[in-house]
Amino acid sequence: MDANDPLAAYYKRRRPPLDQARRHRPLGGGASHLRPDEPRVLEEWDGFEYQPVGTAPNLAAARAWAEEFDSDHPGSQS
């Protein structure tokens, strides 16, 4: 955090948790690695909270969607 930037604390709060701009979660809840063939909800960080942006048919498709963002934005994590 830059001590000379008066908005540094604000910018820090707007970063996504764990620097994950995209995440996926099972539609029925539970751990993400369980039931890999079930649909996932896809969510993106909008600067304040995660917003649903679509669904994926399974865990592999959801991971590919998240990794697509990571390859376009170096330095981010999925």
N, C-alpha and C. Protein backbone atom coordinates (compact mmCIF):
# COMPACT_ATOMS: atom_id res chain seq x y z
N MET A 1 0.85 -1.17 0.00
CA MET A 1 0.00 0.00 0.00
C MET A 1 0.90 1.24 0.00
N ASP A 2 0.62 2.17 -0.90
CA ASP A 2 1.39 3.39 -1.04
C ASP A 2 0.93 4.41 0.00
N ALA A 3 1.80 4.77 0.92
CA ALA A 3 1.45 5.70 2.00
C ALA A 3 1.14 7.10 1.47
N ASN A 4 1.65 7.44 0.29
CA ASN A 4 1.42 8.77 -0.27
C ASN A 4 0.10 8.87 -1.04
N ASP A 5 -0.52 7.77 -1.32
CA ASP A 5 -1.78 7.77 -2.07
C ASP A 5 -2.95 7.85 -1.09
N PRO A 6 -3.72 8.94 -1.11
CA PRO A 6 -4.82 9.08 -0.15
C PRO A 6 -5.94 8.05 -0.36
N LEU A 7 -5.99 7.41 -1.53
CA LEU A 7 -7.04 6.43 -1.81
C LEU A 7 -6.53 4.99 -1.71
N ALA A 8 -5.34 4.78 -1.19
CA ALA A 8 -4.75 3.44 -1.14
C ALA A 8 -5.62 2.46 -0.34
N ALA A 9 -6.15 2.88 0.78
CA ALA A 9 -6.99 1.99 1.59
C ALA A 9 -8.27 1.64 0.84
N TYR A 10 -8.83 2.59 0.11
CA TYR A 10 -10.03 2.35 -0.69
C TYR A 10 -9.74 1.31 -1.77
N TYR A 11 -8.64 1.48 -2.50
CA TYR A 11 -8.28 0.53 -3.56
C TYR A 11 -8.06 -0.87 -2.98
N LYS A 12 -7.47 -0.95 -1.82
CA LYS A 12 -7.23 -2.25 -1.19
C LYS A 12 -8.55 -2.95 -0.87
N ARG A 13 -9.54 -2.20 -0.38
CA ARG A 13 -10.85 -2.79 -0.04
C ARG A 13 -11.60 -3.25 -1.28
N ARG A 14 -11.33 -2.65 -2.43
CA ARG A 14 -12.04 -3.02 -3.66
C ARG A 14 -11.45 -4.25 -4.34
N ARG A 15 -10.28 -4.71 -3.90
CA ARG A 15 -9.70 -5.93 -4.47
C ARG A 15 -10.55 -7.12 -4.07
N PRO A 16 -10.67 -8.10 -4.96
CA PRO A 16 -11.46 -9.28 -4.59
C PRO A 16 -10.78 -10.08 -3.49
N PRO A 17 -11.55 -10.77 -2.65
CA PRO A 17 -10.96 -11.62 -1.62
C PRO A 17 -10.00 -12.63 -2.24
N LEU A 18 -8.86 -12.79 -1.63
CA LEU A 18 -7.82 -13.72 -2.11
C LEU A 18 -7.43 -13.43 -3.56
N ASP A 19 -7.68 -12.22 -4.03
CA ASP A 19 -7.37 -11.81 -5.40
C ASP A 19 -7.99 -12.74 -6.44
N GLN A 20 -9.18 -13.27 -6.15
CA GLN A 20 -9.93 -14.09 -7.10
C GLN A 20 -11.00 -13.23 -7.75
N ALA A 21 -10.79 -12.82 -8.99
CA ALA A 21 -11.78 -12.01 -9.68
C ALA A 21 -12.94 -12.87 -10.17
N ARG A 22 -12.67 -14.15 -10.40
CA ARG A 22 -13.73 -15.08 -10.82
C ARG A 22 -13.73 -16.28 -9.90
N ARG A 23 -14.92 -16.78 -9.60
CA ARG A 23 -15.01 -18.01 -8.82
C ARG A 23 -16.22 -18.81 -9.30
N HIS A 24 -16.25 -20.08 -8.95
CA HIS A 24 -17.37 -20.94 -9.30
C HIS A 24 -17.76 -21.74 -8.07
N ARG A 25 -19.06 -22.02 -7.97
CA ARG A 25 -19.58 -22.75 -6.81
C ARG A 25 -20.65 -23.73 -7.29
N PRO A 26 -20.76 -24.88 -6.62
CA PRO A 26 -21.82 -25.82 -6.99
C PRO A 26 -23.20 -25.19 -6.78
N LEU A 27 -24.11 -25.43 -7.71
CA LEU A 27 -25.46 -24.88 -7.58
C LEU A 27 -26.16 -25.38 -6.33
N GLY A 28 -25.92 -26.63 -5.95
CA GLY A 28 -26.57 -27.20 -4.78
C GLY A 28 -25.81 -26.98 -3.49
N GLY A 29 -24.73 -26.20 -3.53
CA GLY A 29 -23.91 -25.95 -2.35
C GLY A 29 -22.92 -27.08 -2.12
N GLY A 30 -22.13 -26.96 -1.09
CA GLY A 30 -21.14 -27.96 -0.76
C GLY A 30 -19.76 -27.59 -1.29
N ALA A 31 -18.82 -28.48 -1.08
CA ALA A 31 -17.44 -28.25 -1.51
C ALA A 31 -17.33 -28.31 -3.03
N SER A 32 -16.47 -27.50 -3.59
CA SER A 32 -16.39 -27.39 -5.05
C SER A 32 -15.83 -28.65 -5.71
N HIS A 33 -15.05 -29.44 -5.00
CA HIS A 33 -14.47 -30.64 -5.62
C HIS A 33 -15.40 -31.85 -5.58
N LEU A 34 -16.48 -31.76 -4.82
CA LEU A 34 -17.43 -32.87 -4.75
C LEU A 34 -18.40 -32.80 -5.92
N ARG A 35 -18.86 -33.94 -6.36
CA ARG A 35 -19.84 -34.03 -7.45
C ARG A 35 -19.40 -33.21 -8.67
N PRO A 36 -18.26 -33.55 -9.29
CA PRO A 36 -17.71 -32.76 -10.38
C PRO A 36 -18.58 -32.70 -11.63
N ASP A 37 -19.58 -33.57 -11.75
CA ASP A 37 -20.43 -33.56 -12.93
C ASP A 37 -21.68 -32.69 -12.78
N GLU A 38 -21.84 -32.05 -11.62
CA GLU A 38 -23.01 -31.21 -11.41
C GLU A 38 -22.74 -29.77 -11.85
N PRO A 39 -23.79 -29.02 -12.18
CA PRO A 39 -23.64 -27.63 -12.65
C PRO A 39 -23.02 -26.71 -11.60
N ARG A 40 -22.39 -25.65 -12.07
CA ARG A 40 -21.76 -24.64 -11.21
C ARG A 40 -22.30 -23.26 -11.57
N VAL A 41 -22.43 -22.42 -10.56
CA VAL A 41 -22.74 -21.01 -10.80
C VAL A 41 -21.41 -20.28 -10.95
N LEU A 42 -21.32 -19.39 -11.92
CA LEU A 42 -20.11 -18.61 -12.19
C LEU A 42 -20.31 -17.21 -11.64
N GLU A 43 -19.31 -16.71 -10.91
CA GLU A 43 -19.42 -15.39 -10.29
C GLU A 43 -18.17 -14.56 -10.59
N GLU A 44 -18.37 -13.26 -10.79
CA GLU A 44 -17.26 -12.33 -11.01
C GLU A 44 -17.33 -11.21 -9.98
N TRP A 45 -16.17 -10.75 -9.56
CA TRP A 45 -16.05 -9.64 -8.61
C TRP A 45 -16.32 -8.34 -9.34
N ASP A 46 -17.21 -7.50 -8.82
CA ASP A 46 -17.54 -6.23 -9.48
C ASP A 46 -16.95 -5.02 -8.76
N GLY A 47 -16.06 -5.26 -7.80
CA GLY A 47 -15.46 -4.17 -7.05
C GLY A 47 -16.05 -4.04 -5.65
N PHE A 48 -17.20 -4.68 -5.44
CA PHE A 48 -17.85 -4.63 -4.13
C PHE A 48 -18.27 -6.01 -3.64
N GLU A 49 -18.73 -6.86 -4.57
CA GLU A 49 -19.19 -8.20 -4.22
C GLU A 49 -19.15 -9.09 -5.46
N TYR A 50 -19.30 -10.39 -5.24
CA TYR A 50 -19.39 -11.32 -6.36
C TYR A 50 -20.80 -11.27 -6.94
N GLN A 51 -20.88 -11.20 -8.27
CA GLN A 51 -22.15 -11.18 -8.98
C GLN A 51 -22.25 -12.43 -9.84
N PRO A 52 -23.40 -13.11 -9.86
CA PRO A 52 -23.57 -14.26 -10.75
C PRO A 52 -23.56 -13.78 -12.20
N VAL A 53 -22.83 -14.51 -13.05
CA VAL A 53 -22.74 -14.13 -14.46
C VAL A 53 -23.13 -15.27 -15.40
N GLY A 54 -23.40 -16.45 -14.84
CA GLY A 54 -23.78 -17.57 -15.69
C GLY A 54 -23.63 -18.88 -14.95
N THR A 55 -23.74 -19.95 -15.72
CA THR A 55 -23.57 -21.29 -15.17
C THR A 55 -22.65 -22.09 -16.07
N ALA A 56 -22.10 -23.14 -15.51
CA ALA A 56 -21.27 -24.09 -16.26
C ALA A 56 -21.86 -25.47 -16.02
N PRO A 57 -21.78 -26.35 -16.99
CA PRO A 57 -22.41 -27.67 -16.84
C PRO A 57 -21.70 -28.59 -15.86
N ASN A 58 -20.41 -28.31 -15.57
CA ASN A 58 -19.65 -29.19 -14.66
C ASN A 58 -18.41 -28.46 -14.15
N LEU A 59 -17.68 -29.13 -13.28
CA LEU A 59 -16.49 -28.53 -12.66
C LEU A 59 -15.41 -28.20 -13.69
N ALA A 60 -15.18 -29.09 -14.65
CA ALA A 60 -14.14 -28.85 -15.66
C ALA A 60 -14.42 -27.58 -16.47
N ALA A 61 -15.67 -27.39 -16.87
CA ALA A 61 -16.04 -26.19 -17.63
C ALA A 61 -15.90 -24.93 -16.76
N ALA A 62 -16.26 -25.03 -15.49
CA ALA A 62 -16.15 -23.89 -14.58
C ALA A 62 -14.68 -23.51 -14.39
N ARG A 63 -13.82 -24.50 -14.21
CA ARG A 63 -12.39 -24.21 -14.06
C ARG A 63 -11.82 -23.59 -15.32
N ALA A 64 -12.22 -24.08 -16.48
CA ALA A 64 -11.74 -23.52 -17.75
C ALA A 64 -12.16 -22.05 -17.87
N TRP A 65 -13.39 -21.73 -17.45
CA TRP A 65 -13.87 -20.35 -17.49
C TRP A 65 -13.01 -19.46 -16.59
N ALA A 66 -12.70 -19.92 -15.38
CA ALA A 66 -11.88 -19.13 -14.44
C ALA A 66 -10.46 -18.99 -14.96
N GLU A 67 -9.91 -20.05 -15.53
CA GLU A 67 -8.53 -20.00 -16.05
C GLU A 67 -8.43 -19.12 -17.28
N GLU A 68 -9.50 -19.02 -18.05
CA GLU A 68 -9.52 -18.13 -19.22
C GLU A 68 -9.26 -16.70 -18.78
N PHE A 69 -9.88 -16.28 -17.69
CA PHE A 69 -9.67 -14.94 -17.14
C PHE A 69 -8.22 -14.78 -16.68
N ASP A 70 -7.70 -15.78 -15.97
CA ASP A 70 -6.34 -15.72 -15.45
C ASP A 70 -5.32 -15.57 -16.57
N SER A 71 -5.52 -16.25 -17.68
CA SER A 71 -4.55 -16.16 -18.76
C SER A 71 -4.61 -14.78 -19.43
N ASP A 72 -5.78 -14.12 -19.37
CA ASP A 72 -5.91 -12.77 -19.92
C ASP A 72 -5.41 -11.69 -18.97
N HIS A 73 -5.31 -12.03 -17.66
CA HIS A 73 -4.93 -11.06 -16.64
C HIS A 73 -3.80 -11.65 -15.79
N PRO A 74 -2.55 -11.59 -16.28
CA PRO A 74 -1.42 -12.15 -15.51
C PRO A 74 -1.35 -11.57 -14.11
N GLY A 75 -0.95 -12.39 -13.18
CA GLY A 75 -0.82 -11.95 -11.79
C GLY A 75 -2.04 -12.22 -10.96
N SER A 76 -3.15 -12.58 -11.59
CA SER A 76 -4.33 -12.93 -10.81
C SER A 76 -4.30 -14.42 -10.52
N GLN A 77 -5.09 -14.83 -9.54
CA GLN A 77 -5.15 -16.24 -9.14
C GLN A 77 -6.56 -16.74 -9.31
N SER A 78 -6.73 -18.04 -9.54
CA SER A 78 -8.07 -18.60 -9.58
C SER A 78 -8.37 -19.38 -8.34
